[in-house]
N, C-alpha and C. Protein backbone atom coordinates (compact mmCIF):
# COMPACT_ATOMS: atom_id res chain seq x y z
N UNK A 1 -14.07 -15.43 5.29
CA UNK A 1 -13.76 -14.27 4.83
C UNK A 1 -13.30 -13.46 3.42
N UNK A 2 -13.21 -14.80 3.09
CA UNK A 2 -13.03 -13.97 0.92
C UNK A 2 -14.26 -14.14 0.84
N UNK A 3 -14.57 -15.18 0.93
CA UNK A 3 -16.78 -14.93 0.81
C UNK A 3 -17.37 -13.49 1.29
N UNK A 4 -16.97 -12.35 1.95
CA UNK A 4 -17.25 -11.57 2.66
C UNK A 4 -16.44 -10.37 1.44
N UNK A 5 -14.82 -11.04 1.16
CA UNK A 5 -15.00 -9.65 0.75
C UNK A 5 -15.63 -9.86 -2.13
N UNK A 6 -15.49 -11.42 -1.61
CA UNK A 6 -16.64 -11.11 -2.96
C UNK A 6 -17.13 -11.05 -2.54
N UNK A 7 -17.44 -11.27 -1.55
CA UNK A 7 -19.31 -9.61 -1.89
C UNK A 7 -19.41 -8.49 -1.74
N UNK A 8 -18.84 -8.06 -1.21
CA UNK A 8 -18.52 -6.58 -1.64
C UNK A 8 -17.87 -6.37 -2.67
N UNK A 9 -16.72 -7.23 -3.64
CA UNK A 9 -16.41 -7.03 -5.05
C UNK A 9 -18.02 -6.86 -5.76
N UNK A 10 -18.95 -7.86 -5.61
CA UNK A 10 -19.65 -8.31 -6.56
C UNK A 10 -21.15 -6.67 -6.44
N UNK A 11 -20.84 -6.14 -4.95
CA UNK A 11 -21.68 -5.28 -4.68
C UNK A 11 -20.86 -3.16 -5.60
N UNK A 12 -20.42 -3.40 -5.61
CA UNK A 12 -19.69 -2.76 -6.45
C UNK A 12 -19.71 -2.90 -8.14
N UNK A 13 -20.59 -3.88 -8.31
CA UNK A 13 -20.60 -4.82 -9.85
C UNK A 13 -21.92 -3.80 -10.03
N UNK A 14 -21.77 -3.10 -11.39
CA UNK A 14 -23.00 -2.74 -12.17
C UNK A 14 -24.04 -4.37 -12.37
N UNK A 15 -24.22 -5.08 -12.78
CA UNK A 15 -24.70 -6.14 -12.55
C UNK A 15 -23.64 -7.83 -12.55
N UNK A 16 -24.71 -8.48 -11.43
CA UNK A 16 -23.17 -9.99 -11.46
C UNK A 16 -23.46 -11.09 -12.13
N UNK A 17 -21.95 -11.05 -12.13
CA UNK A 17 -21.79 -12.14 -13.37
C UNK A 17 -23.19 -13.77 -13.32
N UNK A 18 -23.06 -13.46 -13.75
CA UNK A 18 -24.01 -15.22 -14.71
C UNK A 18 -23.93 -16.07 -13.67
N UNK A 19 -21.86 -15.87 -13.63
CA UNK A 19 -21.65 -17.63 -13.22
C UNK A 19 -22.13 -16.89 -11.83
N UNK A 20 -21.45 -16.18 -11.52
CA UNK A 20 -21.70 -16.20 -10.04
C UNK A 20 -22.88 -16.41 -9.24
N UNK A 21 -25.01 -15.65 -9.29
CA UNK A 21 -25.66 -15.89 -9.36
C UNK A 21 -26.26 -17.15 -9.70
N UNK A 22 -26.12 -18.25 -10.89
CA UNK A 22 -25.32 -19.38 -11.07
C UNK A 22 -24.82 -20.90 -9.70
N UNK A 23 -23.36 -19.80 -9.47
CA UNK A 23 -23.82 -20.60 -8.39
C UNK A 23 -23.82 -20.83 -7.47
N UNK A 24 -24.12 -19.50 -6.75
CA UNK A 24 -25.15 -19.07 -5.97
C UNK A 24 -25.94 -19.89 -5.52
N UNK A 25 -26.74 -20.04 -6.56
CA UNK A 25 -28.47 -20.91 -6.63
C UNK A 25 -28.10 -22.60 -6.21
N UNK A 26 -27.42 -22.59 -7.65
CA UNK A 26 -27.38 -24.06 -7.11
C UNK A 26 -26.38 -24.60 -5.47
N UNK A 27 -25.95 -23.79 -4.64
CA UNK A 27 -26.15 -23.86 -3.65
C UNK A 27 -26.67 -23.61 -2.78
N UNK A 28 -27.67 -23.00 -2.82
CA UNK A 28 -28.85 -22.69 -2.03
C UNK A 28 -29.91 -23.67 -1.75
N UNK A 29 -29.93 -24.91 -3.11
CA UNK A 29 -30.36 -25.99 -3.40
C UNK A 29 -30.11 -27.25 -2.78
N UNK A 30 -28.74 -27.43 -1.65
CA UNK A 30 -28.26 -28.69 -1.15
C UNK A 30 -28.82 -28.48 -0.91
N UNK A 31 -28.22 -29.79 -0.05
CA UNK A 31 -29.49 -29.92 1.64
C UNK A 31 -28.36 -29.02 2.32
N UNK A 32 -29.55 -28.15 3.83
CA UNK A 32 -28.84 -27.82 4.52
C UNK A 32 -28.05 -26.57 4.16
N UNK A 33 -28.05 -25.67 2.77
CA UNK A 33 -27.56 -24.79 2.69
C UNK A 33 -26.57 -24.12 2.27
N UNK A 34 -24.78 -24.96 1.72
CA UNK A 34 -23.69 -25.65 2.40
C UNK A 34 -23.50 -24.76 1.71
N UNK A 35 -22.01 -23.61 2.27
CA UNK A 35 -21.96 -23.15 1.23
C UNK A 35 -20.47 -22.58 0.16
N UNK A 36 -20.34 -22.40 -0.33
CA UNK A 36 -19.61 -22.37 -1.96
C UNK A 36 -18.10 -22.72 -0.54
N UNK A 37 -17.27 -23.58 -1.81
CA UNK A 37 -16.07 -23.37 -1.33
C UNK A 37 -15.10 -22.53 -1.65
N UNK A 38 -13.90 -22.82 -0.98
CA UNK A 38 -13.38 -21.69 -1.11
C UNK A 38 -12.70 -21.17 -1.87
N UNK A 39 -11.87 -22.48 -3.53
CA UNK A 39 -11.86 -23.05 -4.86
C UNK A 39 -12.47 -21.87 -5.66
N UNK A 40 -13.63 -22.15 -5.35
CA UNK A 40 -14.93 -21.00 -6.09
C UNK A 40 -15.36 -20.71 -5.99
N UNK A 41 -14.81 -19.92 -4.31
CA UNK A 41 -14.44 -18.40 -3.92
C UNK A 41 -13.34 -16.97 -4.92
N UNK A 42 -12.58 -17.65 -4.88
CA UNK A 42 -11.07 -17.15 -5.64
C UNK A 42 -11.13 -17.12 -6.51
N UNK A 43 -12.19 -18.54 -6.88
CA UNK A 43 -11.95 -18.20 -8.62
C UNK A 43 -13.01 -17.32 -9.05
N UNK A 44 -14.28 -16.68 -8.45
CA UNK A 44 -15.30 -15.69 -9.29
C UNK A 44 -14.13 -14.93 -8.44
N UNK A 45 -13.34 -14.30 -7.40
CA UNK A 45 -12.88 -13.46 -7.58
C UNK A 45 -11.59 -12.96 -8.30
N UNK A 46 -10.95 -13.63 -8.37
CA UNK A 46 -10.06 -13.53 -9.90
C UNK A 46 -11.01 -13.19 -11.11
N UNK A 47 -12.40 -14.13 -11.33
CA UNK A 47 -13.12 -13.38 -13.03
C UNK A 47 -12.60 -11.79 -12.33
N UNK A 48 -14.37 -11.63 -11.73
CA UNK A 48 -14.73 -9.89 -11.09
C UNK A 48 -13.62 -9.33 -10.82
N UNK A 49 -11.68 -9.93 -10.14
CA UNK A 49 -11.15 -8.67 -10.27
C UNK A 49 -10.94 -9.04 -11.35
N UNK A 50 -10.95 -9.51 -12.35
CA UNK A 50 -9.93 -9.07 -14.11
C UNK A 50 -10.60 -8.07 -14.36
N UNK A 51 -12.42 -8.02 -14.13
CA UNK A 51 -12.51 -7.29 -15.77
C UNK A 51 -12.38 -5.97 -15.22
N UNK A 52 -12.06 -5.37 -13.74
CA UNK A 52 -11.52 -3.37 -13.33
C UNK A 52 -10.88 -4.03 -11.99
N UNK A 53 -9.85 -2.93 -11.60
CA UNK A 53 -9.19 -3.09 -11.23
C UNK A 53 -10.01 -2.89 -9.42
N UNK A 54 -9.02 -3.74 -8.54
CA UNK A 54 -9.40 -4.20 -7.66
C UNK A 54 -9.31 -4.36 -6.02
N UNK A 55 -8.93 -3.62 -5.64
CA UNK A 55 -7.82 -3.52 -4.32
C UNK A 55 -8.71 -4.66 -3.10
N UNK A 56 -8.15 -5.06 -2.58
CA UNK A 56 -8.51 -6.53 -2.08
C UNK A 56 -7.28 -6.07 -0.86
N UNK A 57 -8.67 -5.41 0.67
CA UNK A 57 -7.37 -5.99 2.09
C UNK A 57 -8.28 -6.00 3.25
N UNK A 58 -6.41 -7.08 3.99
CA UNK A 58 -7.26 -8.24 4.93
C UNK A 58 -6.21 -6.84 6.08
N UNK A 59 -7.38 -6.90 7.03
CA UNK A 59 -6.10 -6.17 8.56
C UNK A 59 -6.47 -7.14 9.41
N UNK A 60 -5.75 -7.97 10.25
CA UNK A 60 -5.27 -8.19 11.37
C UNK A 60 -5.53 -10.04 11.11
N UNK A 61 -4.80 -10.14 9.39
CA UNK A 61 -4.21 -11.54 8.98
C UNK A 61 -2.96 -12.31 9.85
N UNK A 62 -2.92 -11.53 10.86
CA UNK A 62 -2.30 -13.33 12.19
C UNK A 62 -2.65 -13.27 13.08
N UNK A 63 -4.38 -12.34 13.73
CA UNK A 63 -5.43 -13.05 13.63
C UNK A 63 -5.99 -14.97 14.13
N UNK A 64 -5.75 -15.00 12.33
CA UNK A 64 -6.83 -15.52 12.40
C UNK A 64 -5.87 -16.93 11.79
N UNK A 65 -6.65 -18.70 13.05
CA UNK A 65 -6.33 -19.66 12.76
C UNK A 65 -5.23 -19.82 11.75
N UNK A 66 -3.72 -20.31 11.84
CA UNK A 66 -3.15 -21.02 11.73
C UNK A 66 -3.07 -21.06 9.92
N UNK A 67 -4.51 -22.13 10.39
CA UNK A 67 -4.15 -23.07 9.02
C UNK A 67 -5.75 -22.31 8.30
N UNK A 68 -5.20 -21.55 8.15
CA UNK A 68 -7.30 -20.64 7.97
C UNK A 68 -6.74 -19.85 7.11
N UNK A 69 -4.65 -19.31 7.92
CA UNK A 69 -3.91 -17.82 7.54
C UNK A 69 -3.35 -18.72 5.76
N UNK A 70 -3.11 -19.95 5.94
CA UNK A 70 -2.58 -20.63 4.65
C UNK A 70 -3.56 -20.57 3.47
N UNK A 71 -5.01 -21.11 4.39
CA UNK A 71 -5.95 -21.52 3.26
C UNK A 71 -6.43 -19.64 2.31
N UNK A 72 -5.63 -19.27 2.55
CA UNK A 72 -6.05 -17.93 3.14
C UNK A 72 -5.34 -17.05 2.02
N UNK A 73 -4.07 -17.06 2.09
CA UNK A 73 -3.33 -16.96 1.06
C UNK A 73 -2.89 -17.40 0.08
N UNK A 74 -2.56 -18.38 -0.02
CA UNK A 74 -2.55 -19.29 -1.08
C UNK A 74 -4.26 -19.12 -2.22
N UNK A 75 -5.31 -19.15 -1.48
CA UNK A 75 -6.02 -17.72 -3.43
C UNK A 75 -5.83 -17.00 -2.73
N UNK A 76 -5.40 -15.67 -1.87
CA UNK A 76 -5.04 -14.11 -2.08
C UNK A 76 -3.95 -14.81 -3.41
N UNK A 77 -2.87 -15.69 -3.20
CA UNK A 77 -1.47 -15.61 -4.24
C UNK A 77 -2.86 -16.38 -5.71
N UNK A 78 -3.32 -17.26 -5.99
CA UNK A 78 -4.36 -18.14 -6.33
C UNK A 78 -4.88 -16.67 -8.11
N UNK A 79 -5.41 -15.48 -6.37
CA UNK A 79 -6.78 -14.42 -7.13
C UNK A 79 -4.94 -13.27 -8.07
N UNK A 80 -4.18 -13.38 -7.30
CA UNK A 80 -3.72 -12.54 -7.63
C UNK A 80 -2.15 -13.16 -8.65
N UNK A 81 -2.76 -14.52 -9.17
CA UNK A 81 -1.70 -14.95 -10.49
C UNK A 81 -3.02 -14.92 -12.16
N UNK A 82 -4.11 -15.45 -11.19
CA UNK A 82 -4.93 -14.80 -12.11
C UNK A 82 -5.19 -14.09 -12.77
N UNK A 83 -5.31 -13.13 -12.32
CA UNK A 83 -5.21 -11.26 -12.03
C UNK A 83 -4.50 -10.62 -11.84
N UNK A 84 -3.48 -10.20 -12.95
CA UNK A 84 -2.67 -9.86 -12.56
C UNK A 84 -3.48 -8.42 -12.17
N UNK A 85 -3.88 -7.50 -12.48
CA UNK A 85 -4.42 -6.24 -12.01
C UNK A 85 -4.27 -5.27 -10.39
N UNK A 86 -4.66 -6.90 -10.01
CA UNK A 86 -5.14 -7.13 -8.90
C UNK A 86 -4.51 -6.28 -7.09
N UNK A 87 -4.69 -5.68 -6.34
CA UNK A 87 -3.81 -6.01 -5.95
C UNK A 87 -4.01 -5.66 -4.38
N UNK A 88 -3.45 -5.68 -3.73
CA UNK A 88 -3.95 -6.72 -2.20
C UNK A 88 -2.71 -6.59 -1.19
N UNK A 89 -3.79 -6.52 0.10
CA UNK A 89 -3.19 -5.09 1.27
C UNK A 89 -3.02 -5.63 1.89
N UNK A 90 -2.95 -5.92 3.32
CA UNK A 90 -2.37 -6.93 4.30
C UNK A 90 -2.07 -6.67 5.29
N UNK A 91 -2.64 -6.37 6.68
CA UNK A 91 -2.20 -6.54 8.16
C UNK A 91 -1.50 -7.01 8.94
N UNK A 92 -0.69 -7.26 9.12
CA UNK A 92 -0.29 -7.81 10.20
C UNK A 92 1.06 -8.08 11.76
N UNK A 93 1.33 -9.07 12.41
CA UNK A 93 2.05 -8.73 13.16
C UNK A 93 3.39 -9.73 13.06
N UNK A 94 4.81 -8.54 12.48
CA UNK A 94 5.83 -9.72 12.07
C UNK A 94 6.08 -10.33 12.30
N UNK A 95 5.62 -11.29 14.00
CA UNK A 95 5.54 -12.65 12.99
C UNK A 95 5.56 -13.13 12.23
N UNK A 96 4.21 -12.77 10.97
CA UNK A 96 3.53 -13.85 10.40
C UNK A 96 4.62 -13.71 8.95
N UNK A 97 6.13 -12.42 9.19
CA UNK A 97 6.60 -12.62 7.20
C UNK A 97 6.72 -12.74 7.05
N UNK A 98 7.83 -14.51 7.72
CA UNK A 98 8.30 -15.57 6.50
C UNK A 98 6.92 -16.41 5.83
N UNK A 99 5.50 -16.01 7.06
CA UNK A 99 5.30 -17.59 6.19
C UNK A 99 5.19 -16.01 4.60
N UNK A 100 3.68 -14.79 4.84
CA UNK A 100 3.92 -13.57 4.38
C UNK A 100 4.70 -14.12 2.73
N UNK A 101 6.24 -14.23 2.87
CA UNK A 101 7.17 -14.11 1.37
C UNK A 101 6.55 -15.26 1.89
N UNK A 102 6.58 -16.62 1.63
CA UNK A 102 6.20 -18.00 1.48
C UNK A 102 5.56 -18.32 0.72
N UNK A 103 4.52 -17.77 0.64
CA UNK A 103 2.37 -17.94 0.67
C UNK A 103 2.64 -16.97 -0.71
N UNK A 104 3.14 -15.48 -0.47
CA UNK A 104 2.96 -14.59 -1.93
C UNK A 104 4.36 -15.04 -2.68
N UNK A 105 5.21 -15.64 -2.45
CA UNK A 105 6.30 -15.43 -3.52
C UNK A 105 6.06 -14.68 -4.54
N UNK A 106 7.64 -13.48 -4.44
CA UNK A 106 7.61 -12.53 -5.36
C UNK A 106 6.57 -11.68 -6.06
N UNK A 107 5.16 -11.66 -4.52
CA UNK A 107 4.68 -10.94 -5.06
C UNK A 107 3.87 -10.11 -3.70
N UNK A 108 5.17 -9.89 -2.46
CA UNK A 108 4.79 -9.00 -1.37
C UNK A 108 5.76 -8.21 -1.35
N UNK A 109 5.40 -7.16 -0.62
CA UNK A 109 6.15 -5.98 -0.34
C UNK A 109 6.40 -5.91 1.52
N UNK A 110 7.07 -6.35 2.05
CA UNK A 110 6.97 -5.95 3.29
C UNK A 110 7.23 -5.20 4.09
N UNK A 111 6.05 -3.84 4.89
CA UNK A 111 6.64 -2.74 5.72
C UNK A 111 6.76 -2.85 6.96
N UNK A 112 7.41 -2.61 7.50
CA UNK A 112 8.05 -2.42 9.40
C UNK A 112 6.80 -1.49 9.29
N UNK A 113 6.24 -1.53 10.12
CA UNK A 113 5.26 -0.15 11.49
C UNK A 113 5.65 0.41 12.79
N UNK A 114 5.81 0.63 12.81
CA UNK A 114 6.32 0.53 14.80
C UNK A 114 5.74 1.92 15.66
N UNK A 115 4.90 1.69 15.82
CA UNK A 115 5.24 3.16 16.58
C UNK A 115 6.00 4.02 17.68
N UNK A 116 5.80 5.03 17.75
CA UNK A 116 6.85 5.94 18.56
C UNK A 116 6.26 5.97 19.79
N UNK A 117 7.83 5.50 20.82
CA UNK A 117 7.46 6.18 21.95
C UNK A 117 6.30 6.87 22.30
N UNK A 118 6.97 8.57 21.75
CA UNK A 118 5.72 9.48 22.01
C UNK A 118 4.98 9.28 22.07
N UNK A 119 4.93 9.06 20.03
CA UNK A 119 2.50 9.01 20.28
C UNK A 119 1.68 8.28 20.69
N UNK A 120 2.68 6.92 21.91
CA UNK A 120 2.11 6.45 22.61
C UNK A 120 1.79 7.13 23.70
N UNK A 121 3.16 7.81 24.54
CA UNK A 121 2.18 8.51 25.33
C UNK A 121 1.60 9.41 25.36
N UNK A 122 1.34 10.49 24.55
CA UNK A 122 0.94 11.15 23.38
C UNK A 122 -0.72 11.35 23.76
N UNK A 123 -1.16 9.33 22.95
CA UNK A 123 -2.67 8.40 23.18
C UNK A 123 -2.22 8.50 23.55
N UNK A 124 -1.70 7.96 25.43
CA UNK A 124 -2.47 7.94 26.48
C UNK A 124 -3.04 8.93 27.13
N UNK A 125 -2.21 10.17 27.35
CA UNK A 125 -2.57 10.83 27.90
C UNK A 125 -3.72 11.14 27.25
N UNK A 126 -4.63 11.18 27.04
CA UNK A 126 -5.33 11.66 25.87
C UNK A 126 -6.41 11.77 26.49
N UNK A 127 -6.44 10.19 26.20
CA UNK A 127 -7.06 8.68 26.89
C UNK A 127 -6.92 9.56 28.27
N UNK A 128 -6.41 9.14 29.09
CA UNK A 128 -6.92 9.22 30.48
C UNK A 128 -6.85 10.52 31.00
N UNK A 129 -6.84 11.98 30.35
CA UNK A 129 -7.53 13.09 29.62
C UNK A 129 -8.86 13.42 29.97
N UNK A 130 -9.25 11.85 28.78
CA UNK A 130 -10.60 12.11 28.42
C UNK A 130 -12.16 10.94 29.40
N UNK A 131 -10.86 10.31 31.04
CA UNK A 131 -11.53 8.54 31.57
C UNK A 131 -12.41 10.94 32.27
N UNK A 132 -13.89 9.21 32.57
CA UNK A 132 -15.56 9.25 32.59
C UNK A 132 -14.38 9.89 34.61
N UNK A 133 -14.07 9.01 35.33
CA UNK A 133 -14.16 8.37 36.32
C UNK A 133 -12.63 8.72 37.03
N UNK A 134 -12.22 10.59 36.45
CA UNK A 134 -11.42 10.65 36.99
C UNK A 134 -10.46 10.67 38.48
N UNK A 135 -11.57 9.71 39.13
CA UNK A 135 -11.53 9.70 41.12
C UNK A 135 -10.73 8.07 41.12
N UNK A 136 -10.56 7.36 40.04
CA UNK A 136 -10.33 5.82 40.23
C UNK A 136 -8.48 6.48 39.32
N UNK A 137 -8.21 7.00 39.79
CA UNK A 137 -6.97 7.26 39.88
C UNK A 137 -5.79 8.64 40.02
N UNK A 138 -4.82 8.43 40.90
CA UNK A 138 -4.03 9.21 41.64
C UNK A 138 -3.05 9.26 40.00
N UNK A 139 -2.10 10.31 40.94
CA UNK A 139 -0.29 10.30 39.85
C UNK A 139 0.43 9.31 40.02
N UNK A 140 -0.13 8.65 40.93
CA UNK A 140 1.14 7.78 40.50
C UNK A 140 0.69 6.70 40.05
N UNK A 141 -0.70 5.98 39.99
CA UNK A 141 -1.17 4.95 38.89
C UNK A 141 -0.81 5.53 37.79
N UNK A 142 -1.52 7.04 37.25
CA UNK A 142 -1.01 7.80 35.62
C UNK A 142 0.91 7.78 35.41
N UNK A 143 1.39 7.76 36.81
CA UNK A 143 3.03 8.33 36.09
C UNK A 143 2.99 6.49 35.44
N UNK A 144 2.29 4.77 36.34
CA UNK A 144 3.34 4.30 36.00
C UNK A 144 3.04 3.45 34.77
N UNK A 145 1.02 4.32 34.58
CA UNK A 145 0.48 4.14 33.48
C UNK A 145 1.81 4.36 32.03
N UNK A 146 2.06 5.70 32.86
CA UNK A 146 3.32 6.67 31.25
C UNK A 146 3.86 5.75 31.20
N UNK A 147 4.68 4.69 32.10
CA UNK A 147 6.03 4.73 31.80
C UNK A 147 6.38 3.20 30.99
N UNK A 148 5.14 2.61 32.38
CA UNK A 148 4.61 0.71 31.20
C UNK A 148 4.25 0.87 30.19
N UNK A 149 3.36 1.48 30.34
CA UNK A 149 2.83 0.87 28.70
C UNK A 149 3.46 1.51 27.23
N UNK A 150 4.54 2.53 27.53
CA UNK A 150 5.22 2.36 26.17
C UNK A 150 6.75 2.11 26.42
N UNK A 151 6.89 1.23 27.45
CA UNK A 151 8.78 0.58 27.65
C UNK A 151 7.14 -1.41 27.09
N UNK A 152 6.24 -1.03 27.44
CA UNK A 152 5.51 -2.72 27.64
C UNK A 152 5.73 -2.87 25.44
N UNK A 153 5.40 -2.27 25.30
CA UNK A 153 3.66 -1.92 23.59
C UNK A 153 4.83 -3.25 22.56
N UNK A 154 4.06 -4.17 22.45
CA UNK A 154 5.71 -4.70 21.38
C UNK A 154 4.52 -3.53 19.49
N UNK A 155 5.52 -4.30 18.51
CA UNK A 155 5.26 -4.20 17.25
C UNK A 155 3.65 -4.02 17.03
N UNK A 156 3.29 -3.34 16.18
CA UNK A 156 2.06 -3.97 16.66
C UNK A 156 1.84 -3.83 13.62
């Protein structure tokens, strides 16, 4: 994931830093083309991000395997320490809040964003109105959908 972020950051530069060109060239020569290690990627991101304002956005980090999440957060913490001008925006479900605070101490602001019941109902009504197979649903099923989903929906 952070390798993809590095690729995006580098693609926005006028010139690729020599350190990155050399590192990728060295790893191409390795048998089986083993990729860069996470520590190398984090260091390169720090170096690149320190040259100009950089915003790193990672969506749905809660969907990563817990062990990988730890590595991602620790790497982001290192990047933020080395490159204080960098900003990180991470989204995830509420159950990872404690992990964010632990892994990014003093660097995280957690905002709770929850759907409003009327917004969910409006969304569902729009989707049901766009249904290409309207014969597959009767009024009873529609009522059940509009009652059950808004009451059961979890915070996302």
